[in-house]
Amino acid sequence: MAKSLLKKVKKGGKKAFQKAEAKVEKVEKAVSSADSSARSHIESISKLRRDGSVVWGMIKDGNQSTDEIKAICKEKGFDELLGEIS
């Protein structure tokens, strides 16, 4: 009886751990997709607008986060572009 209880506890702990890992993976995917969305938006408008072209020239070779991209837009005074990626 004690052995079966220990097995149940171990299985329950493994399941909880697996659920936690799955949640972490979902959050990581969401964060990476958010970063690529701001980057891809700027890349798409870089051929159409000057502000997009300037920012794209600054970030195309780097690995900036969305917050860093927003800071660049704010620093350059591109408020319309900042509003689009926020």
PDB file of N, CA and C in Angstrom:
ATOM      1  N   MET A   1       0.814  -1.185   0.000  1.00  0.00           N
ATOM      2  CA  MET A   1       0.000   0.000   0.000  1.00  0.00           C
ATOM      3  C   MET A   1       0.866   1.262   0.000  1.00  0.00           C
ATOM      4  N   ALA A   2       1.891   1.260   0.801  1.00  0.00           N
ATOM      5  CA  ALA A   2       2.764   2.427   0.867  1.00  0.00           C
ATOM      6  C   ALA A   2       3.493   2.634  -0.464  1.00  0.00           C
ATOM      7  N   LYS A   3       3.853   1.505  -1.113  1.00  0.00           N
ATOM      8  CA  LYS A   3       4.546   1.612  -2.398  1.00  0.00           C
ATOM      9  C   LYS A   3       3.645   2.232  -3.454  1.00  0.00           C
ATOM     10  N   SER A   4       2.383   1.830  -3.442  1.00  0.00           N
ATOM     11  CA  SER A   4       1.473   2.378  -4.444  1.00  0.00           C
ATOM     12  C   SER A   4       1.248   3.870  -4.215  1.00  0.00           C
ATOM     13  N   LEU A   5       1.212   4.297  -2.970  1.00  0.00           N
ATOM     14  CA  LEU A   5       1.068   5.715  -2.669  1.00  0.00           C
ATOM     15  C   LEU A   5       2.284   6.496  -3.138  1.00  0.00           C
ATOM     16  N   LEU A   6       3.449   5.930  -2.937  1.00  0.00           N
ATOM     17  CA  LEU A   6       4.675   6.597  -3.390  1.00  0.00           C
ATOM     18  C   LEU A   6       4.696   6.719  -4.912  1.00  0.00           C
ATOM     19  N   LYS A   7       4.237   5.681  -5.599  1.00  0.00           N
ATOM     20  CA  LYS A   7       4.198   5.735  -7.057  1.00  0.00           C
ATOM     21  C   LYS A   7       3.254   6.830  -7.536  1.00  0.00           C
ATOM     22  N   LYS A   8       2.101   6.943  -6.877  1.00  0.00           N
ATOM     23  CA  LYS A   8       1.128   7.969  -7.249  1.00  0.00           C
ATOM     24  C   LYS A   8       1.697   9.364  -7.023  1.00  0.00           C
ATOM     25  N   VAL A   9       2.406   9.534  -5.930  1.00  0.00           N
ATOM     26  CA  VAL A   9       3.005  10.838  -5.632  1.00  0.00           C
ATOM     27  C   VAL A   9       4.060  11.180  -6.678  1.00  0.00           C
ATOM     28  N   LYS A  10       4.873  10.212  -7.040  1.00  0.00           N
ATOM     29  CA  LYS A  10       5.909  10.446  -8.046  1.00  0.00           C
ATOM     30  C   LYS A  10       5.290  10.809  -9.391  1.00  0.00           C
ATOM     31  N   LYS A  11       4.242  10.075  -9.797  1.00  0.00           N
ATOM     32  CA  LYS A  11       3.579  10.358 -11.064  1.00  0.00           C
ATOM     33  C   LYS A  11       2.946  11.742 -11.052  1.00  0.00           C
ATOM     34  N   GLY A  12       2.324  12.091  -9.932  1.00  0.00           N
ATOM     35  CA  GLY A  12       1.705  13.415  -9.817  1.00  0.00           C
ATOM     36  C   GLY A  12       2.734  14.521  -9.915  1.00  0.00           C
ATOM     37  N   GLY A  13       3.878  14.321  -9.293  1.00  0.00           N
ATOM     38  CA  GLY A  13       4.955  15.308  -9.350  1.00  0.00           C
ATOM     39  C   GLY A  13       5.499  15.460 -10.754  1.00  0.00           C
ATOM     40  N   LYS A  14       5.624  14.337 -11.469  1.00  0.00           N
ATOM     41  CA  LYS A  14       6.117  14.397 -12.849  1.00  0.00           C
ATOM     42  C   LYS A  14       5.137  15.138 -13.745  1.00  0.00           C
ATOM     43  N   LYS A  15       3.846  14.862 -13.553  1.00  0.00           N
ATOM     44  CA  LYS A  15       2.839  15.516 -14.378  1.00  0.00           C
ATOM     45  C   LYS A  15       2.831  17.020 -14.134  1.00  0.00           C
ATOM     46  N   ALA A  16       2.942  17.418 -12.877  1.00  0.00           N
ATOM     47  CA  ALA A  16       2.959  18.850 -12.563  1.00  0.00           C
ATOM     48  C   ALA A  16       4.187  19.511 -13.175  1.00  0.00           C
ATOM     49  N   PHE A  17       5.319  18.818 -13.118  1.00  0.00           N
ATOM     50  CA  PHE A  17       6.545  19.350 -13.693  1.00  0.00           C
ATOM     51  C   PHE A  17       6.411  19.499 -15.208  1.00  0.00           C
ATOM     52  N   GLN A  18       5.808  18.504 -15.857  1.00  0.00           N
ATOM     53  CA  GLN A  18       5.630  18.557 -17.303  1.00  0.00           C
ATOM     54  C   GLN A  18       4.686  19.696 -17.695  1.00  0.00           C
ATOM     55  N   LYS A  19       3.641  19.917 -16.899  1.00  0.00           N
ATOM     56  CA  LYS A  19       2.720  21.013 -17.175  1.00  0.00           C
ATOM     57  C   LYS A  19       3.435  22.352 -17.042  1.00  0.00           C
ATOM     58  N   ALA A  20       4.279  22.476 -16.028  1.00  0.00           N
ATOM     59  CA  ALA A  20       5.028  23.720 -15.836  1.00  0.00           C
ATOM     60  C   ALA A  20       5.978  23.961 -17.006  1.00  0.00           C
ATOM     61  N   GLU A  21       6.642  22.907 -17.473  1.00  0.00           N
ATOM     62  CA  GLU A  21       7.539  23.047 -18.615  1.00  0.00           C
ATOM     63  C   GLU A  21       6.785  23.486 -19.866  1.00  0.00           C
ATOM     64  N   ALA A  22       5.589  22.929 -20.058  1.00  0.00           N
ATOM     65  CA  ALA A  22       4.786  23.289 -21.224  1.00  0.00           C
ATOM     66  C   ALA A  22       4.396  24.763 -21.173  1.00  0.00           C
ATOM     67  N   LYS A  23       4.066  25.263 -19.990  1.00  0.00           N
ATOM     68  CA  LYS A  23       3.712  26.672 -19.843  1.00  0.00           C
ATOM     69  C   LYS A  23       4.904  27.565 -20.141  1.00  0.00           C
ATOM     70  N   VAL A  24       6.079  27.174 -19.681  1.00  0.00           N
ATOM     71  CA  VAL A  24       7.291  27.957 -19.933  1.00  0.00           C
ATOM     72  C   VAL A  24       7.567  28.019 -21.433  1.00  0.00           C
ATOM     73  N   GLU A  25       7.401  26.897 -22.125  1.00  0.00           N
ATOM     74  CA  GLU A  25       7.635  26.876 -23.564  1.00  0.00           C
ATOM     75  C   GLU A  25       6.654  27.785 -24.297  1.00  0.00           C
ATOM     76  N   LYS A  26       5.384  27.811 -23.867  1.00  0.00           N
ATOM     77  CA  LYS A  26       4.396  28.679 -24.497  1.00  0.00           C
ATOM     78  C   LYS A  26       4.764  30.143 -24.315  1.00  0.00           C
ATOM     79  N   VAL A  27       5.224  30.502 -23.127  1.00  0.00           N
ATOM     80  CA  VAL A  27       5.609  31.888 -22.851  1.00  0.00           C
ATOM     81  C   VAL A  27       6.813  32.274 -23.692  1.00  0.00           C
ATOM     82  N   GLU A  28       7.789  31.376 -23.807  1.00  0.00           N
ATOM     83  CA  GLU A  28       8.974  31.667 -24.609  1.00  0.00           C
ATOM     84  C   GLU A  28       8.603  31.865 -26.073  1.00  0.00           C
ATOM     85  N   LYS A  29       7.680  31.052 -26.590  1.00  0.00           N
ATOM     86  CA  LYS A  29       7.245  31.195 -27.975  1.00  0.00           C
ATOM     87  C   LYS A  29       6.539  32.529 -28.180  1.00  0.00           C
ATOM     88  N   ALA A  30       5.722  32.923 -27.213  1.00  0.00           N
ATOM     89  CA  ALA A  30       4.992  34.187 -27.325  1.00  0.00           C
ATOM     90  C   ALA A  30       5.955  35.369 -27.340  1.00  0.00           C
ATOM     91  N   VAL A  31       6.968  35.310 -26.507  1.00  0.00           N
ATOM     92  CA  VAL A  31       7.954  36.388 -26.446  1.00  0.00           C
ATOM     93  C   VAL A  31       8.723  36.470 -27.753  1.00  0.00           C
ATOM     94  N   SER A  32       9.152  35.348 -28.287  1.00  0.00           N
ATOM     95  CA  SER A  32       9.913  35.383 -29.536  1.00  0.00           C
ATOM     96  C   SER A  32       9.054  35.842 -30.699  1.00  0.00           C
ATOM     97  N   SER A  33       7.788  35.474 -30.725  1.00  0.00           N
ATOM     98  CA  SER A  33       6.934  35.925 -31.818  1.00  0.00           C
ATOM     99  C   SER A  33       6.650  37.414 -31.724  1.00  0.00           C
ATOM    100  N   ALA A  34       6.576  37.946 -30.513  1.00  0.00           N
ATOM    101  CA  ALA A  34       6.355  39.377 -30.349  1.00  0.00           C
ATOM    102  C   ALA A  34       7.561  40.158 -30.867  1.00  0.00           C
ATOM    103  N   ASP A  35       8.761  39.668 -30.574  1.00  0.00           N
ATOM    104  CA  ASP A  35       9.958  40.326 -31.062  1.00  0.00           C
ATOM    105  C   ASP A  35       9.996  40.325 -32.586  1.00  0.00           C
ATOM    106  N   SER A  36       9.687  39.211 -33.181  1.00  0.00           N
ATOM    107  CA  SER A  36       9.758  39.133 -34.626  1.00  0.00           C
ATOM    108  C   SER A  36       8.651  39.946 -35.287  1.00  0.00           C
ATOM    109  N   SER A  37       7.531  40.156 -34.588  1.00  0.00           N
ATOM    110  CA  SER A  37       6.447  40.915 -35.197  1.00  0.00           C
ATOM    111  C   SER A  37       6.836  42.383 -35.378  1.00  0.00           C
ATOM    112  N   ALA A  38       7.460  43.009 -34.384  1.00  0.00           N
ATOM    113  CA  ALA A  38       7.900  44.400 -34.517  1.00  0.00           C
ATOM    114  C   ALA A  38       8.984  44.499 -35.581  1.00  0.00           C
ATOM    115  N   ARG A  39       9.889  43.559 -35.556  1.00  0.00           N
ATOM    116  CA  ARG A  39      10.980  43.541 -36.523  1.00  0.00           C
ATOM    117  C   ARG A  39      10.443  43.353 -37.940  1.00  0.00           C
ATOM    118  N   SER A  40       9.510  42.428 -38.109  1.00  0.00           N
ATOM    119  CA  SER A  40       8.973  42.173 -39.450  1.00  0.00           C
ATOM    120  C   SER A  40       8.130  43.346 -39.944  1.00  0.00           C
ATOM    121  N   HIS A  41       7.445  44.029 -39.035  1.00  0.00           N
ATOM    122  CA  HIS A  41       6.661  45.203 -39.445  1.00  0.00           C
ATOM    123  C   HIS A  41       7.586  46.303 -39.969  1.00  0.00           C
ATOM    124  N   ILE A  42       8.665  46.533 -39.262  1.00  0.00           N
ATOM    125  CA  ILE A  42       9.609  47.565 -39.692  1.00  0.00           C
ATOM    126  C   ILE A  42      10.256  47.176 -41.020  1.00  0.00           C
ATOM    127  N   GLU A  43      10.575  45.895 -41.166  1.00  0.00           N
ATOM    128  CA  GLU A  43      11.160  45.448 -42.433  1.00  0.00           C
ATOM    129  C   GLU A  43      10.188  45.658 -43.594  1.00  0.00           C
ATOM    130  N   SER A  44       8.911  45.385 -43.360  1.00  0.00           N
ATOM    131  CA  SER A  44       7.941  45.517 -44.450  1.00  0.00           C
ATOM    132  C   SER A  44       7.714  46.972 -44.865  1.00  0.00           C
ATOM    133  N   ILE A  45       7.774  47.891 -43.912  1.00  0.00           N
ATOM    134  CA  ILE A  45       7.549  49.298 -44.287  1.00  0.00           C
ATOM    135  C   ILE A  45       8.842  50.015 -44.650  1.00  0.00           C
ATOM    136  N   SER A  46       9.976  49.341 -44.487  1.00  0.00           N
ATOM    137  CA  SER A  46      11.251  49.997 -44.793  1.00  0.00           C
ATOM    138  C   SER A  46      11.366  50.368 -46.272  1.00  0.00           C
ATOM    139  N   LYS A  47      10.648  49.676 -47.116  1.00  0.00           N
ATOM    140  CA  LYS A  47      10.696  49.975 -48.552  1.00  0.00           C
ATOM    141  C   LYS A  47       9.700  51.063 -48.940  1.00  0.00           C
ATOM    142  N   LEU A  48       8.796  51.386 -48.004  1.00  0.00           N
ATOM    143  CA  LEU A  48       7.739  52.342 -48.316  1.00  0.00           C
ATOM    144  C   LEU A  48       7.924  53.701 -47.658  1.00  0.00           C
ATOM    145  N   ARG A  49       8.486  53.716 -46.463  1.00  0.00           N
ATOM    146  CA  ARG A  49       8.575  54.970 -45.702  1.00  0.00           C
ATOM    147  C   ARG A  49       9.994  55.204 -45.213  1.00  0.00           C
ATOM    148  N   ARG A  50      10.326  56.465 -45.102  1.00  0.00           N
ATOM    149  CA  ARG A  50      11.681  56.847 -44.691  1.00  0.00           C
ATOM    150  C   ARG A  50      11.964  56.456 -43.248  1.00  0.00           C
ATOM    151  N   ASP A  51      11.003  56.655 -42.334  1.00  0.00           N
ATOM    152  CA  ASP A  51      11.255  56.320 -40.939  1.00  0.00           C
ATOM    153  C   ASP A  51      11.509  54.819 -40.776  1.00  0.00           C
ATOM    154  N   GLY A  52      10.756  54.007 -41.504  1.00  0.00           N
ATOM    155  CA  GLY A  52      10.990  52.568 -41.458  1.00  0.00           C
ATOM    156  C   GLY A  52      12.345  52.191 -42.012  1.00  0.00           C
ATOM    157  N   SER A  53      12.748  52.882 -43.059  1.00  0.00           N
ATOM    158  CA  SER A  53      14.048  52.618 -43.671  1.00  0.00           C
ATOM    159  C   SER A  53      15.203  52.944 -42.726  1.00  0.00           C
ATOM    160  N   VAL A  54      15.075  54.061 -42.027  1.00  0.00           N
ATOM    161  CA  VAL A  54      16.135  54.473 -41.096  1.00  0.00           C
ATOM    162  C   VAL A  54      16.264  53.464 -39.957  1.00  0.00           C
ATOM    163  N   VAL A  55      15.132  53.086 -39.361  1.00  0.00           N
ATOM    164  CA  VAL A  55      15.167  52.145 -38.239  1.00  0.00           C
ATOM    165  C   VAL A  55      15.627  50.772 -38.719  1.00  0.00           C
ATOM    166  N   TRP A  56      15.152  50.335 -39.885  1.00  0.00           N
ATOM    167  CA  TRP A  56      15.569  49.038 -40.401  1.00  0.00           C
ATOM    168  C   TRP A  56      17.078  49.013 -40.644  1.00  0.00           C
ATOM    169  N   GLY A  57      17.640  50.099 -41.120  1.00  0.00           N
ATOM    170  CA  GLY A  57      19.089  50.171 -41.311  1.00  0.00           C
ATOM    171  C   GLY A  57      19.857  50.011 -40.011  1.00  0.00           C
ATOM    172  N   MET A  58      19.247  50.414 -38.912  1.00  0.00           N
ATOM    173  CA  MET A  58      19.911  50.316 -37.610  1.00  0.00           C
ATOM    174  C   MET A  58      19.761  48.924 -36.989  1.00  0.00           C
ATOM    175  N   ILE A  59      18.667  48.208 -37.288  1.00  0.00           N
ATOM    176  CA  ILE A  59      18.412  46.944 -36.590  1.00  0.00           C
ATOM    177  C   ILE A  59      18.576  45.701 -37.458  1.00  0.00           C
ATOM    178  N   LYS A  60      18.797  45.842 -38.740  1.00  0.00           N
ATOM    179  CA  LYS A  60      18.775  44.673 -39.622  1.00  0.00           C
ATOM    180  C   LYS A  60      19.867  43.651 -39.305  1.00  0.00           C
ATOM    181  N   ASP A  61      21.012  44.078 -38.841  1.00  0.00           N
ATOM    182  CA  ASP A  61      22.101  43.148 -38.555  1.00  0.00           C
ATOM    183  C   ASP A  61      22.171  42.757 -37.077  1.00  0.00           C
ATOM    184  N   GLY A  62      21.389  43.431 -36.234  1.00  0.00           N
ATOM    185  CA  GLY A  62      21.449  43.170 -34.807  1.00  0.00           C
ATOM    186  C   GLY A  62      20.376  42.207 -34.345  1.00  0.00           C
ATOM    187  N   ASN A  63      20.326  42.046 -33.026  1.00  0.00           N
ATOM    188  CA  ASN A  63      19.348  41.161 -32.413  1.00  0.00           C
ATOM    189  C   ASN A  63      18.649  41.926 -31.292  1.00  0.00           C
ATOM    190  N   GLN A  64      17.954  42.994 -31.640  1.00  0.00           N
ATOM    191  CA  GLN A  64      17.320  43.848 -30.654  1.00  0.00           C
ATOM    192  C   GLN A  64      15.960  43.290 -30.232  1.00  0.00           C
ATOM    193  N   SER A  65      15.616  43.547 -28.984  1.00  0.00           N
ATOM    194  CA  SER A  65      14.288  43.177 -28.502  1.00  0.00           C
ATOM    195  C   SER A  65      13.297  44.260 -28.931  1.00  0.00           C
ATOM    196  N   THR A  66      12.023  43.985 -28.707  1.00  0.00           N
ATOM    197  CA  THR A  66      10.987  44.956 -29.050  1.00  0.00           C
ATOM    198  C   THR A  66      11.177  46.245 -28.263  1.00  0.00           C
ATOM    199  N   ASP A  67      11.544  46.137 -26.996  1.00  0.00           N
ATOM    200  CA  ASP A  67      11.758  47.332 -26.172  1.00  0.00           C
ATOM    201  C   ASP A  67      12.912  48.168 -26.704  1.00  0.00           C
ATOM    202  N   GLU A  68      13.964  47.514 -27.153  1.00  0.00           N
ATOM    203  CA  GLU A  68      15.095  48.246 -27.720  1.00  0.00           C
ATOM    204  C   GLU A  68      14.706  48.928 -29.037  1.00  0.00           C
ATOM    205  N   ILE A  69      13.885  48.258 -29.826  1.00  0.00           N
ATOM    206  CA  ILE A  69      13.410  48.855 -31.081  1.00  0.00           C
ATOM    207  C   ILE A  69      12.540  50.067 -30.788  1.00  0.00           C
ATOM    208  N   LYS A  70      11.687  49.953 -29.776  1.00  0.00           N
ATOM    209  CA  LYS A  70      10.843  51.087 -29.381  1.00  0.00           C
ATOM    210  C   LYS A  70      11.698  52.255 -28.913  1.00  0.00           C
ATOM    211  N   ALA A  71      12.770  51.965 -28.170  1.00  0.00           N
ATOM    212  CA  ALA A  71      13.663  53.029 -27.695  1.00  0.00           C
ATOM    213  C   ALA A  71      14.342  53.736 -28.869  1.00  0.00           C
ATOM    214  N   ILE A  72      14.721  52.980 -29.884  1.00  0.00           N
ATOM    215  CA  ILE A  72      15.342  53.572 -31.069  1.00  0.00           C
ATOM    216  C   ILE A  72      14.355  54.501 -31.769  1.00  0.00           C
ATOM    217  N   CYS A  73      13.110  54.050 -31.913  1.00  0.00           N
ATOM    218  CA  CYS A  73      12.080  54.870 -32.560  1.00  0.00           C
ATOM    219  C   CYS A  73      11.829  56.151 -31.774  1.00  0.00           C
ATOM    220  N   LYS A  74      11.789  56.033 -30.458  1.00  0.00           N
ATOM    221  CA  LYS A  74      11.556  57.203 -29.607  1.00  0.00           C
ATOM    222  C   LYS A  74      12.725  58.165 -29.689  1.00  0.00           C
ATOM    223  N   GLU A  75      13.931  57.613 -29.695  1.00  0.00           N
ATOM    224  CA  GLU A  75      15.144  58.436 -29.768  1.00  0.00           C
ATOM    225  C   GLU A  75      15.199  59.225 -31.069  1.00  0.00           C
ATOM    226  N   LYS A  76      14.782  58.603 -32.155  1.00  0.00           N
ATOM    227  CA  LYS A  76      14.809  59.265 -33.457  1.00  0.00           C
ATOM    228  C   LYS A  76      13.607  60.170 -33.691  1.00  0.00           C
ATOM    229  N   GLY A  77      12.599  60.081 -32.816  1.00  0.00           N
ATOM    230  CA  GLY A  77      11.419  60.925 -32.954  1.00  0.00           C
ATOM    231  C   GLY A  77      10.378  60.400 -33.935  1.00  0.00           C
ATOM    232  N   PHE A  78      10.401  59.090 -34.165  1.00  0.00           N
ATOM    233  CA  PHE A  78       9.435  58.471 -35.069  1.00  0.00           C
ATOM    234  C   PHE A  78       8.227  58.010 -34.270  1.00  0.00           C
ATOM    235  N   ASP A  79       7.387  58.973 -33.869  1.00  0.00           N
ATOM    236  CA  ASP A  79       6.242  58.676 -33.012  1.00  0.00           C
ATOM    237  C   ASP A  79       5.189  57.842 -33.717  1.00  0.00           C
ATOM    238  N   GLU A  80       4.971  58.068 -34.996  1.00  0.00           N
ATOM    239  CA  GLU A  80       3.964  57.292 -35.731  1.00  0.00           C
ATOM    240  C   GLU A  80       4.384  55.819 -35.811  1.00  0.00           C
ATOM    241  N   LEU A  81       5.633  55.582 -36.110  1.00  0.00           N
ATOM    242  CA  LEU A  81       6.160  54.212 -36.171  1.00  0.00           C
ATOM    243  C   LEU A  81       6.119  53.569 -34.786  1.00  0.00           C
ATOM    244  N   LEU A  82       6.434  54.338 -33.767  1.00  0.00           N
ATOM    245  CA  LEU A  82       6.392  53.823 -32.403  1.00  0.00           C
ATOM    246  C   LEU A  82       4.975  53.390 -32.035  1.00  0.00           C
ATOM    247  N   GLY A  83       3.989  54.171 -32.450  1.00  0.00           N
ATOM    248  CA  GLY A  83       2.605  53.816 -32.192  1.00  0.00           C
ATOM    249  C   GLY A  83       2.178  52.555 -32.917  1.00  0.00           C
ATOM    250  N   GLU A  84       2.742  52.313 -34.091  1.00  0.00           N
ATOM    251  CA  GLU A  84       2.374  51.134 -34.865  1.00  0.00           C
ATOM    252  C   GLU A  84       2.932  49.858 -34.265  1.00  0.00           C
ATOM    253  N   ILE A  85       4.100  49.909 -33.659  1.00  0.00           N
ATOM    254  CA  ILE A  85       4.697  48.680 -33.116  1.00  0.00           C
ATOM    255  C   ILE A  85       4.386  48.486 -31.643  1.00  0.00           C
ATOM    256  N   SER A  86       3.770  49.457 -31.006  1.00  0.00           N
ATOM    257  CA  SER A  86       3.430  49.327 -29.583  1.00  0.00           C
ATOM    258  C   SER A  86       2.196  48.499 -29.374  1.00  0.00           C
TER     259      SER A  86
END
